[in-house]
Amino acid sequence: MENGKAQKVGGADLDWSKLVFGSRVDSHCFMKHVWKDGEWDKGELVQEPYVKMHVMANVFHYGQAIFEGQKVFHCKDGKVRIFNDKANYARMSAGCQRMGMPTMTPEMFHQAIDRVVAANLDFVPPYGSGASLYVRPFMIGSGPQLGLGPSSEFTFMVLVSPVGPYYGGSVPCKLVDEFDRAAPLGVGQVKCAGNYAADIVPAKEAKDQGFPICLYLDAKEHKYVEEFSTSNFAAITKSNVYLTPDSSSVLGSVTNMCLEVLAKDMGLTVERRRIDFEAEVSNFKEVGAVGTGVVITVVESITRGEKKYTFEQPSETLQSMYNKLRAIQVGDEPDKFGWLREISA
């Protein structure tokens, strides 16, 4: 009731079953903290969905911007829980160090999430709806400056929005040879805004050609699998190995790390290593794009130039992993891995 109104799960009374990922749904408010003179303020909930900044704010010119993606679920027992946000905190902290941005305590990170979720409980989709509340913590360089360098001020915000499926089914994929996503010694392992900006043109061109998703190879040799436009790459091989790339220019997906744990628990061998696309694609039985937004989206084919590689449909192993992960997230199965944290709502 932090925003002055009584809140209840599902109180916004949306058509939860028709939500897709990316639809704009304005919530009641967002959370905002400001870092200045070496310390963070106590934070505030802001109702107006706008941020006022100086025209010379660092983020506009030099791109100091980093974000996370998380999901909150209304569980079977009536509790509201967030999935593995301790891993998101660790990833964001590492990214802040690489981008020259201030870190924060885990308590501040978690409390900011709890406050904004509690103030937007109406927008948490009810158990059984198939939807979730997407949580986006992000930080930008908000201090005014004309010269290149770390910002003198930073703003950390957390917004929430209810979401449904990212793609809504299996998808064909285009392998991109004309562009690179990230350089080997760049910031590909950081969830910073620039990495996604690099994909905007290739992704639009691919969608115009009928491919909802792109796959990138390494920038140095264009030989080894890196990741999809917005998510990690995972394959089930014909020998039932859960295979995912090992690369310093790939973002470490929290979902992918959890799926590796689930794969081992389900009796699969897990391999995280370099993947030579042309040498190994014929050994892929199933392929999936994995991440917070997509969860596991089955990739039915990958097209490279005139060559099209197809994979098994239905994807029984990936579907089984998806079902198990979702069951844990909403409380249909015990959380024996300790991934869920109850929101103080």
Protein backbone atom coordinates (compact mmCIF):
# COMPACT_ATOMS: atom_id res chain seq x y z
CA MET A 1 0.00 0.00 0.00
CA GLU A 2 3.06 2.23 -0.36
CA ASN A 3 1.50 4.32 -3.11
CA GLY A 4 -1.56 5.03 -0.99
CA LYS A 5 -3.89 2.54 -2.67
CA ALA A 6 -4.95 -0.92 -1.60
CA GLN A 7 -3.15 -3.50 -3.73
CA LYS A 8 -3.94 -7.09 -4.59
CA VAL A 9 -2.48 -9.59 -7.01
CA GLY A 10 -4.19 -9.21 -10.39
CA GLY A 11 -6.00 -6.07 -9.27
CA ALA A 12 -5.35 -4.33 -12.60
CA ASP A 13 -7.82 -6.82 -14.11
CA LEU A 14 -6.02 -7.10 -17.44
CA ASP A 15 -6.59 -9.86 -19.97
CA TRP A 16 -3.56 -11.74 -18.70
CA SER A 17 -3.80 -14.51 -21.29
CA LYS A 18 -3.31 -12.03 -24.15
CA LEU A 19 -0.17 -10.38 -22.81
CA VAL A 20 2.98 -10.63 -24.91
CA PHE A 21 6.51 -9.61 -24.03
CA GLY A 22 7.13 -6.03 -25.09
CA SER A 23 3.60 -4.67 -24.75
CA ARG A 24 3.57 -1.33 -22.97
CA VAL A 25 1.62 -1.48 -19.73
CA ASP A 26 2.20 1.51 -17.46
CA SER A 27 2.25 0.49 -13.81
CA HIS A 28 1.44 2.71 -10.82
CA CYS A 29 5.02 3.86 -10.27
CA PHE A 30 8.72 3.09 -10.52
CA MET A 31 11.58 3.14 -8.01
CA LYS A 32 14.38 5.69 -8.26
CA HIS A 33 17.71 6.13 -6.44
CA VAL A 34 20.36 8.77 -7.19
CA TRP A 35 24.12 8.39 -6.59
CA LYS A 36 25.97 11.65 -6.01
CA ASP A 37 29.10 12.69 -4.07
CA GLY A 38 29.98 9.04 -3.52
CA GLU A 39 26.75 7.75 -2.00
CA TRP A 40 23.23 6.60 -2.84
CA ASP A 41 20.17 8.40 -1.54
CA LYS A 42 17.32 6.57 0.22
CA GLY A 43 15.24 6.28 -2.93
CA GLU A 44 11.68 7.21 -3.80
CA LEU A 45 8.67 5.87 -5.66
CA VAL A 46 7.85 8.04 -8.67
CA GLN A 47 4.35 7.97 -10.16
CA GLU A 48 4.91 9.98 -13.34
CA PRO A 49 6.50 7.69 -15.97
CA TYR A 50 9.10 10.26 -17.03
CA VAL A 51 12.61 11.19 -15.97
CA LYS A 52 13.94 14.75 -16.23
CA MET A 53 17.67 15.02 -17.04
CA HIS A 54 20.19 17.53 -18.25
CA VAL A 55 20.74 17.54 -22.03
CA MET A 56 24.43 16.78 -21.40
CA ALA A 57 23.70 13.70 -19.26
CA ASN A 58 26.41 11.12 -19.84
CA VAL A 59 23.98 8.42 -20.98
CA PHE A 60 22.89 10.48 -24.00
CA HIS A 61 26.42 10.92 -25.33
CA TYR A 62 28.66 8.17 -23.98
CA GLY A 63 26.17 5.44 -23.26
CA GLN A 64 26.77 4.60 -19.61
CA ALA A 65 23.69 2.41 -19.26
CA ILE A 66 23.25 -1.05 -17.80
CA PHE A 67 20.19 -3.08 -16.96
CA GLU A 68 18.84 -6.40 -15.72
CA GLY A 69 15.80 -8.51 -16.54
CA GLN A 70 13.94 -10.50 -13.88
CA LYS A 71 10.53 -12.02 -13.29
CA VAL A 72 8.15 -12.07 -10.34
CA PHE A 73 5.53 -14.81 -9.99
CA HIS A 74 2.32 -15.29 -8.02
CA CYS A 75 2.81 -18.78 -6.70
CA LYS A 76 0.43 -21.64 -5.99
CA ASP A 77 0.53 -20.99 -2.23
CA GLY A 78 -0.52 -17.36 -2.72
CA LYS A 79 2.95 -15.89 -2.10
CA VAL A 80 4.66 -13.51 -4.51
CA ARG A 81 8.25 -14.49 -5.32
CA ILE A 82 11.07 -13.31 -7.55
CA PHE A 83 13.28 -15.74 -9.43
CA ASN A 84 16.98 -15.88 -8.58
CA ASP A 85 17.55 -12.16 -8.10
CA LYS A 86 20.74 -12.81 -6.16
CA ALA A 87 22.28 -13.94 -9.46
CA ASN A 88 21.00 -10.81 -11.20
CA TYR A 89 22.53 -8.67 -8.47
CA ALA A 90 25.90 -10.38 -8.92
CA ARG A 91 25.77 -9.93 -12.70
CA MET A 92 24.79 -6.26 -12.45
CA SER A 93 27.55 -5.59 -9.94
CA ALA A 94 30.15 -7.12 -12.26
CA GLY A 95 28.76 -5.08 -15.13
CA CYS A 96 28.94 -1.86 -13.12
CA GLN A 97 32.62 -2.43 -12.47
CA ARG A 98 33.32 -2.97 -16.18
CA MET A 99 31.30 0.12 -17.17
CA GLY A 100 32.78 2.45 -14.53
CA MET A 101 29.54 2.74 -12.59
CA PRO A 102 28.96 2.58 -8.81
CA THR A 103 27.80 -0.64 -7.23
CA MET A 104 25.27 -0.93 -4.43
CA THR A 105 24.66 -3.27 -1.53
CA PRO A 106 22.52 -6.37 -2.13
CA GLU A 107 20.12 -4.99 0.48
CA MET A 108 19.54 -1.82 -1.54
CA PHE A 109 19.05 -3.82 -4.74
CA HIS A 110 16.54 -6.24 -3.21
CA GLN A 111 14.68 -3.56 -1.24
CA ALA A 112 14.25 -1.42 -4.35
CA ILE A 113 12.67 -4.40 -6.10
CA ASP A 114 10.46 -5.22 -3.12
CA ARG A 115 9.21 -1.64 -2.80
CA VAL A 116 8.25 -1.28 -6.46
CA VAL A 117 6.60 -4.71 -6.62
CA ALA A 118 4.62 -4.00 -3.45
CA ALA A 119 3.50 -0.67 -4.90
CA ASN A 120 2.41 -2.38 -8.13
CA LEU A 121 0.87 -5.57 -6.77
CA ASP A 122 -2.17 -4.94 -8.99
CA PHE A 123 0.01 -5.74 -12.00
CA VAL A 124 1.27 -9.11 -10.77
CA PRO A 125 -0.52 -11.67 -12.97
CA PRO A 126 -2.43 -14.24 -10.90
CA TYR A 127 -1.31 -17.84 -10.53
CA GLY A 128 -2.45 -19.97 -13.45
CA SER A 129 -2.54 -17.09 -15.96
CA GLY A 130 0.73 -18.10 -17.63
CA ALA A 131 1.98 -14.52 -17.31
CA SER A 132 4.48 -12.90 -14.95
CA LEU A 133 5.62 -9.48 -13.74
CA TYR A 134 8.78 -8.42 -15.54
CA VAL A 135 11.19 -6.42 -13.38
CA ARG A 136 13.81 -4.20 -15.00
CA PRO A 137 16.44 -2.65 -12.72
CA PHE A 138 18.64 -0.26 -14.69
CA MET A 139 21.29 2.38 -14.11
CA ILE A 140 22.30 5.33 -16.25
CA GLY A 141 24.94 8.03 -16.12
CA SER A 142 22.73 11.04 -15.39
CA GLY A 143 25.35 13.69 -14.56
CA PRO A 144 25.90 16.51 -17.08
CA GLN A 145 29.27 16.54 -18.82
CA LEU A 146 30.64 17.17 -22.29
CA GLY A 147 33.91 15.27 -22.01
CA LEU A 148 34.34 11.50 -22.08
CA GLY A 149 34.60 9.92 -18.65
CA PRO A 150 32.54 8.33 -15.88
CA SER A 151 29.45 10.30 -14.98
CA SER A 152 29.47 12.49 -11.87
CA GLU A 153 25.96 11.28 -11.03
CA PHE A 154 24.07 8.06 -11.60
CA THR A 155 20.39 7.18 -11.43
CA PHE A 156 19.28 3.64 -10.55
CA MET A 157 15.67 2.81 -11.34
CA VAL A 158 13.42 -0.24 -11.21
CA LEU A 159 10.32 -0.48 -13.37
CA VAL A 160 7.81 -3.31 -13.63
CA SER A 161 5.40 -4.46 -16.31
CA PRO A 162 3.27 -7.61 -16.73
CA VAL A 163 4.37 -9.79 -19.63
CA GLY A 164 3.42 -12.91 -21.53
CA PRO A 165 5.48 -15.02 -23.97
CA TYR A 166 8.30 -13.35 -25.92
CA TYR A 167 7.69 -15.19 -29.19
CA GLY A 168 4.65 -17.36 -28.53
CA GLY A 169 5.95 -20.55 -30.16
CA SER A 170 8.88 -22.06 -32.01
CA VAL A 171 10.75 -19.75 -34.37
CA PRO A 172 13.01 -19.89 -37.45
CA CYS A 173 16.38 -18.19 -37.03
CA LYS A 174 18.77 -16.35 -39.33
CA LEU A 175 22.51 -16.66 -38.77
CA VAL A 176 24.02 -13.21 -39.20
CA ASP A 177 27.29 -13.00 -41.15
CA GLU A 178 27.11 -9.32 -42.11
CA PHE A 179 27.35 -7.91 -38.58
CA ASP A 180 29.00 -8.71 -35.24
CA ARG A 181 27.33 -8.47 -31.87
CA ALA A 182 30.36 -7.91 -29.63
CA ALA A 183 34.17 -7.87 -29.81
CA PRO A 184 36.24 -10.50 -27.96
CA LEU A 185 37.70 -7.98 -25.49
CA GLY A 186 34.70 -5.63 -25.48
CA VAL A 187 31.61 -5.59 -23.27
CA GLY A 188 29.65 -8.53 -24.68
CA GLN A 189 29.56 -10.13 -21.24
CA VAL A 190 27.86 -7.04 -19.78
CA LYS A 191 24.13 -6.34 -19.99
CA CYS A 192 24.71 -2.81 -21.27
CA ALA A 193 22.45 -0.93 -23.65
CA GLY A 194 24.98 -0.71 -26.48
CA ASN A 195 25.08 -4.46 -26.98
CA TYR A 196 21.39 -4.46 -27.84
CA ALA A 197 21.61 -1.35 -30.00
CA ALA A 198 24.06 -3.26 -32.21
CA ASP A 199 21.35 -5.81 -32.95
CA ILE A 200 18.57 -3.39 -33.95
CA VAL A 201 19.38 -3.19 -37.67
CA PRO A 202 20.29 -6.89 -38.16
CA ALA A 203 17.18 -7.93 -36.22
CA LYS A 204 14.91 -5.68 -38.28
CA GLU A 205 16.38 -6.98 -41.54
CA ALA A 206 15.95 -10.56 -40.33
CA LYS A 207 12.33 -9.97 -39.29
CA ASP A 208 11.60 -8.43 -42.68
CA GLN A 209 12.87 -11.70 -44.17
CA GLY A 210 10.66 -13.81 -41.89
CA PHE A 211 13.12 -14.57 -39.09
CA PRO A 212 12.05 -13.40 -35.61
CA ILE A 213 15.49 -14.09 -34.14
CA CYS A 214 19.16 -13.82 -35.14
CA LEU A 215 22.19 -15.92 -34.19
CA TYR A 216 25.68 -14.42 -34.05
CA LEU A 217 29.06 -16.12 -34.42
CA ASP A 218 32.29 -14.91 -32.86
CA ALA A 219 33.61 -11.62 -34.23
CA LYS A 220 37.18 -12.82 -34.72
CA GLU A 221 36.68 -15.88 -36.96
CA HIS A 222 32.94 -16.05 -37.65
CA LYS A 223 33.20 -19.70 -36.76
CA TYR A 224 32.07 -20.25 -33.18
CA VAL A 225 28.54 -19.85 -31.82
CA GLU A 226 28.05 -16.80 -29.59
CA GLU A 227 24.42 -16.00 -28.82
CA PHE A 228 21.03 -14.99 -30.17
CA SER A 229 19.78 -11.40 -30.43
CA THR A 230 18.48 -11.24 -26.86
CA SER A 231 19.31 -14.62 -25.37
CA ASN A 232 21.81 -17.41 -24.89
CA PHE A 233 22.20 -20.39 -27.22
CA ALA A 234 21.56 -23.92 -26.00
CA ALA A 235 21.37 -27.19 -27.92
CA ILE A 236 20.48 -30.77 -27.08
CA THR A 237 22.80 -32.94 -29.10
CA LYS A 238 21.99 -36.31 -30.61
CA SER A 239 23.92 -37.88 -27.73
CA ASN A 240 21.72 -36.00 -25.21
CA VAL A 241 24.25 -33.40 -24.13
CA TYR A 242 23.07 -29.96 -23.02
CA LEU A 243 25.50 -27.79 -24.97
CA THR A 244 26.02 -24.05 -24.56
CA PRO A 245 28.86 -21.72 -25.63
CA ASP A 246 31.79 -20.70 -23.47
CA SER A 247 32.84 -17.21 -24.58
CA SER A 248 34.06 -14.06 -22.83
CA SER A 249 31.89 -11.95 -25.17
CA VAL A 250 28.60 -13.70 -24.32
CA LEU A 251 26.32 -12.45 -21.56
CA GLY A 252 26.05 -14.96 -18.73
CA SER A 253 22.32 -15.77 -18.72
CA VAL A 254 20.83 -16.44 -15.29
CA THR A 255 18.22 -18.67 -16.92
CA ASN A 256 20.86 -20.62 -18.81
CA MET A 257 22.84 -21.24 -15.62
CA CYS A 258 19.68 -22.57 -13.95
CA LEU A 259 18.94 -24.78 -16.95
CA GLU A 260 22.42 -26.27 -16.72
CA VAL A 261 21.61 -27.23 -13.13
CA LEU A 262 18.25 -28.68 -14.18
CA ALA A 263 19.86 -30.59 -17.05
CA LYS A 264 22.28 -32.31 -14.67
CA ASP A 265 19.43 -33.01 -12.28
CA MET A 266 17.51 -34.64 -15.15
CA GLY A 267 20.47 -36.90 -15.97
CA LEU A 268 21.86 -34.98 -18.96
CA THR A 269 25.53 -34.29 -19.52
CA VAL A 270 26.27 -30.55 -19.60
CA GLU A 271 29.02 -29.04 -21.72
CA ARG A 272 29.93 -25.36 -21.75
CA ARG A 273 32.60 -24.90 -24.42
CA ARG A 274 33.41 -23.36 -27.81
CA ILE A 275 31.00 -24.60 -30.48
CA ASP A 276 32.15 -24.72 -34.11
CA PHE A 277 28.86 -24.06 -35.90
CA GLU A 278 29.54 -25.69 -39.28
CA ALA A 279 31.35 -28.65 -37.74
CA GLU A 280 28.67 -29.38 -35.13
CA VAL A 281 25.29 -28.15 -36.39
CA SER A 282 24.45 -31.56 -37.88
CA ASN A 283 24.74 -33.00 -34.36
CA PHE A 284 22.11 -30.65 -32.88
CA LYS A 285 18.89 -32.50 -32.14
CA GLU A 286 17.13 -29.54 -30.51
CA VAL A 287 18.05 -25.85 -30.31
CA GLY A 288 16.70 -23.22 -27.96
CA ALA A 289 17.07 -19.52 -27.19
CA VAL A 290 17.23 -19.23 -23.40
CA GLY A 291 16.90 -16.20 -21.13
CA THR A 292 14.61 -14.36 -18.72
CA GLY A 293 12.37 -12.96 -21.44
CA VAL A 294 12.21 -15.97 -23.74
CA VAL A 295 12.62 -18.60 -20.96
CA ILE A 296 13.20 -21.39 -23.52
CA THR A 297 12.06 -20.58 -27.04
CA VAL A 298 12.46 -23.51 -29.40
CA VAL A 299 14.40 -22.70 -32.58
CA GLU A 300 12.98 -24.85 -35.35
CA SER A 301 15.64 -23.98 -37.94
CA ILE A 302 18.75 -21.88 -38.58
CA THR A 303 19.31 -20.41 -42.04
CA ARG A 304 22.78 -19.36 -43.15
CA GLY A 305 22.77 -17.92 -46.63
CA GLU A 306 21.14 -20.50 -48.88
CA LYS A 307 21.57 -23.34 -46.36
CA LYS A 308 18.80 -24.21 -43.89
CA TYR A 309 19.40 -26.50 -40.91
CA THR A 310 16.30 -27.97 -39.25
CA PHE A 311 15.88 -29.53 -35.82
CA GLU A 312 13.49 -31.97 -34.18
CA GLN A 313 9.90 -30.90 -33.64
CA PRO A 314 8.50 -31.17 -31.07
CA SER A 315 11.55 -30.47 -28.90
CA GLU A 316 10.80 -32.96 -26.17
CA THR A 317 13.84 -32.38 -23.96
CA LEU A 318 13.74 -28.59 -24.07
CA GLN A 319 9.99 -28.63 -23.51
CA SER A 320 10.45 -30.87 -20.50
CA MET A 321 13.07 -28.49 -19.11
CA TYR A 322 10.78 -25.52 -19.73
CA ASN A 323 7.92 -27.25 -17.91
CA LYS A 324 10.13 -28.07 -14.94
CA LEU A 325 11.54 -24.56 -14.66
CA ARG A 326 8.09 -22.98 -14.88
CA ALA A 327 6.76 -25.41 -12.28
CA ILE A 328 9.49 -24.31 -9.86
CA GLN A 329 8.89 -20.63 -10.59
CA VAL A 330 5.18 -20.76 -9.76
CA GLY A 331 5.46 -23.21 -6.87
CA ASP A 332 4.03 -26.30 -8.54
CA GLU A 333 7.29 -28.08 -7.70
CA PRO A 334 9.58 -27.60 -4.68
CA ASP A 335 12.36 -25.05 -5.08
CA LYS A 336 15.12 -27.41 -3.98
CA PHE A 337 17.80 -25.18 -5.53
CA GLY A 338 16.85 -22.09 -3.51
CA TRP A 339 16.19 -19.89 -6.53
CA LEU A 340 13.07 -18.10 -5.30
CA ARG A 341 12.87 -15.21 -2.83
CA GLU A 342 9.61 -14.08 -1.31
CA ILE A 343 8.77 -10.45 -1.97
CA SER A 344 8.01 -8.36 1.11
CA ALA A 345 4.63 -7.23 -0.23
